[in-house]
Protein backbone atom coordinates (compact mmCIF):
# COMPACT_ATOMS: atom_id res chain seq x y z
CA MET A 1 -62.94 -67.00 2.60
CA LYS A 2 -60.45 -65.23 0.41
CA VAL A 3 -56.74 -65.49 -0.31
CA SER A 4 -56.07 -62.31 1.68
CA ASP A 5 -57.15 -64.21 4.82
CA ILE A 6 -53.90 -66.18 4.57
CA PHE A 7 -51.64 -64.21 2.22
CA ILE A 8 -50.99 -60.66 1.00
CA CYS A 9 -47.95 -60.20 -1.25
CA GLN A 10 -45.41 -57.78 0.22
CA GLN A 11 -43.42 -57.62 -3.05
CA CYS A 12 -40.24 -58.35 -1.06
CA GLY A 13 -38.64 -60.14 -4.00
CA TYR A 14 -37.53 -63.23 -2.12
CA CYS A 15 -39.47 -65.47 -4.52
CA CYS A 16 -37.97 -63.56 -7.46
CA GLN A 17 -34.38 -64.49 -6.55
CA GLY A 18 -32.23 -67.15 -8.13
CA LYS A 19 -30.09 -68.07 -11.08
CA THR A 20 -33.17 -69.15 -13.03
CA THR A 21 -36.83 -68.22 -13.09
CA VAL A 22 -40.01 -70.14 -13.84
CA SER A 23 -40.58 -71.61 -17.27
CA LEU A 24 -43.10 -69.74 -19.38
CA ASP A 25 -45.85 -71.68 -21.11
CA ALA A 26 -47.51 -70.36 -24.29
CA ALA A 27 -50.22 -68.51 -22.34
CA ASP A 28 -47.58 -66.85 -20.12
CA GLN A 29 -45.68 -65.71 -23.18
CA GLU A 30 -48.78 -64.24 -24.85
CA ARG A 31 -49.91 -62.50 -21.64
CA MET A 32 -46.45 -60.97 -21.23
CA ILE A 33 -46.31 -59.81 -24.87
CA ARG A 34 -49.74 -58.14 -24.54
CA HIS A 35 -48.87 -56.55 -21.22
CA LEU A 36 -45.59 -55.13 -22.50
CA GLY A 37 -47.10 -54.01 -25.81
CA MET A 38 -44.12 -55.34 -27.72
CA THR A 39 -43.60 -57.90 -30.45
CA ARG A 40 -42.66 -61.48 -29.59
CA LYS A 41 -39.21 -60.88 -31.05
CA GLU A 42 -38.67 -57.74 -28.93
CA VAL A 43 -39.83 -59.42 -25.73
CA SER A 44 -37.75 -62.51 -26.47
CA ARG A 45 -34.62 -60.50 -27.14
CA SER A 46 -35.03 -58.16 -24.15
CA TYR A 47 -36.54 -60.34 -21.42
CA TRP A 48 -36.42 -64.07 -22.14
CA ARG A 49 -33.76 -66.72 -21.92
CA CYS A 50 -34.58 -69.36 -24.52
CA SER A 51 -32.93 -72.76 -24.53
CA GLY A 52 -34.36 -75.44 -26.80
CA ASN A 53 -38.09 -75.56 -26.04
CA SER A 54 -37.66 -73.84 -22.68
CA VAL A 55 -38.43 -70.14 -22.24
CA GLN A 56 -37.68 -68.41 -18.96
CA MET A 57 -37.37 -64.81 -17.91
CA LYS A 58 -33.79 -63.54 -17.76
CA THR A 59 -32.18 -62.78 -14.42
CA VAL A 60 -30.24 -59.66 -13.50
CA ASP A 61 -28.11 -59.46 -10.35
CA GLY A 62 -29.70 -62.64 -8.99
CA HIS A 63 -33.31 -61.53 -9.50
CA CYS A 64 -35.91 -61.95 -12.22
CA ILE A 65 -35.43 -59.24 -14.83
CA PHE A 66 -38.86 -57.86 -13.90
CA TYR A 67 -38.02 -57.34 -10.22
CA ASP A 68 -37.24 -53.78 -9.17
CA SER A 69 -38.39 -53.18 -5.59
CA GLY A 70 -41.44 -55.20 -6.60
CA CYS A 71 -42.77 -56.95 -9.66
CA THR A 72 -42.75 -54.55 -12.60
CA ILE A 73 -44.87 -56.90 -14.72
CA HIS A 74 -47.38 -57.84 -12.02
CA GLU A 75 -50.44 -57.84 -14.32
CA GLY A 76 -48.63 -59.82 -17.01
CA LYS A 77 -46.61 -62.22 -14.87
CA PRO A 78 -46.52 -66.00 -15.35
CA TRP A 79 -49.20 -68.15 -13.74
CA ARG A 80 -46.63 -69.92 -11.58
CA CYS A 81 -45.63 -66.57 -10.10
CA THR A 82 -49.27 -65.79 -9.31
CA GLN A 83 -49.49 -69.06 -7.35
CA TRP A 84 -46.44 -68.62 -5.16
CA PRO A 85 -46.16 -69.02 -2.21
CA LEU A 86 -49.57 -70.70 -1.99
CA HIS A 87 -48.38 -74.05 -3.20
CA PRO A 88 -50.35 -77.25 -2.50
CA SER A 89 -47.24 -78.77 -0.85
CA MET A 90 -48.02 -76.51 2.12
CA LEU A 91 -50.90 -78.88 2.90
CA ASP A 92 -48.62 -81.93 2.89
CA SER A 93 -46.79 -81.20 6.10
CA ARG A 94 -46.29 -78.63 8.79
CA GLU A 95 -42.60 -78.62 7.82
CA ASN A 96 -43.37 -77.51 4.23
CA PHE A 97 -45.72 -74.86 5.58
CA GLU A 98 -43.12 -73.53 8.01
CA ILE A 99 -40.31 -73.47 5.43
CA ILE A 100 -42.43 -71.49 2.98
CA ARG A 101 -43.91 -69.25 5.70
CA ASP A 102 -40.43 -68.47 7.05
CA SER A 103 -39.30 -67.33 3.60
CA CYS A 104 -42.37 -65.22 2.82
CA PRO A 105 -43.46 -62.22 4.90
CA GLY A 106 -46.80 -62.13 3.09
CA ILE A 107 -48.17 -65.22 4.81
CA ASN A 108 -50.47 -64.28 7.68
CA ARG A 109 -48.51 -65.10 10.86
CA GLU A 110 -51.67 -64.96 12.96
CA VAL A 111 -53.18 -68.02 11.27
CA ASP A 112 -51.97 -71.33 12.71
CA TYR A 113 -51.16 -74.34 10.54
CA ARG A 114 -54.49 -76.09 11.03
CA ASP A 115 -56.52 -72.98 10.15
CA PHE A 116 -54.21 -72.18 7.23
CA CYS A 117 -54.78 -75.68 5.81
CA ARG A 118 -58.55 -75.43 6.27
CA ILE A 119 -58.73 -72.06 4.48
CA PHE A 120 -56.25 -72.96 1.74
CA ALA A 121 -57.91 -76.33 1.04
CA ALA A 122 -61.29 -74.59 0.72
CA LEU A 123 -59.82 -72.01 -1.68
CA LEU A 124 -58.22 -74.76 -3.80
CA ALA A 125 -61.49 -76.73 -3.89
CA ARG A 126 -63.37 -73.60 -4.98
CA GLU A 127 -60.77 -72.92 -7.70
CA ASN A 128 -61.02 -76.52 -8.95
CA ARG A 129 -64.82 -76.27 -9.11
CA ASN A 130 -64.55 -73.02 -11.07
CA ASP A 131 -62.01 -74.57 -13.49
CA ARG A 132 -64.39 -77.44 -14.25
CA GLY A 133 -67.12 -75.05 -14.62
């Protein structure tokens, strides 16, 4: 089983829309700095919105600053972005699954809810085993 059995990102940008973006933890910030090949100060000034202890990516025209017909920082994007739309809440109820599936064209429409849950739960369990490692 692999993620592509249930999801292949179409880079449609729906998940990149909004007035705010995900918060960046320290690892996200470092990954982004390395990927962009810039200093922390340059990245902060150009791409981040900092408020107190919170650091988020800026938005432009209702999208993440890194969205331009797809993610322009795909290899250096935040971990939360790499998770979406495969969020554990999809296992909680068919309603959560359908809401997320309806908003994301990358979710395999040929896999029913029961099979999706079986595959996704197995992938999460494998990831948790690897994290404990």
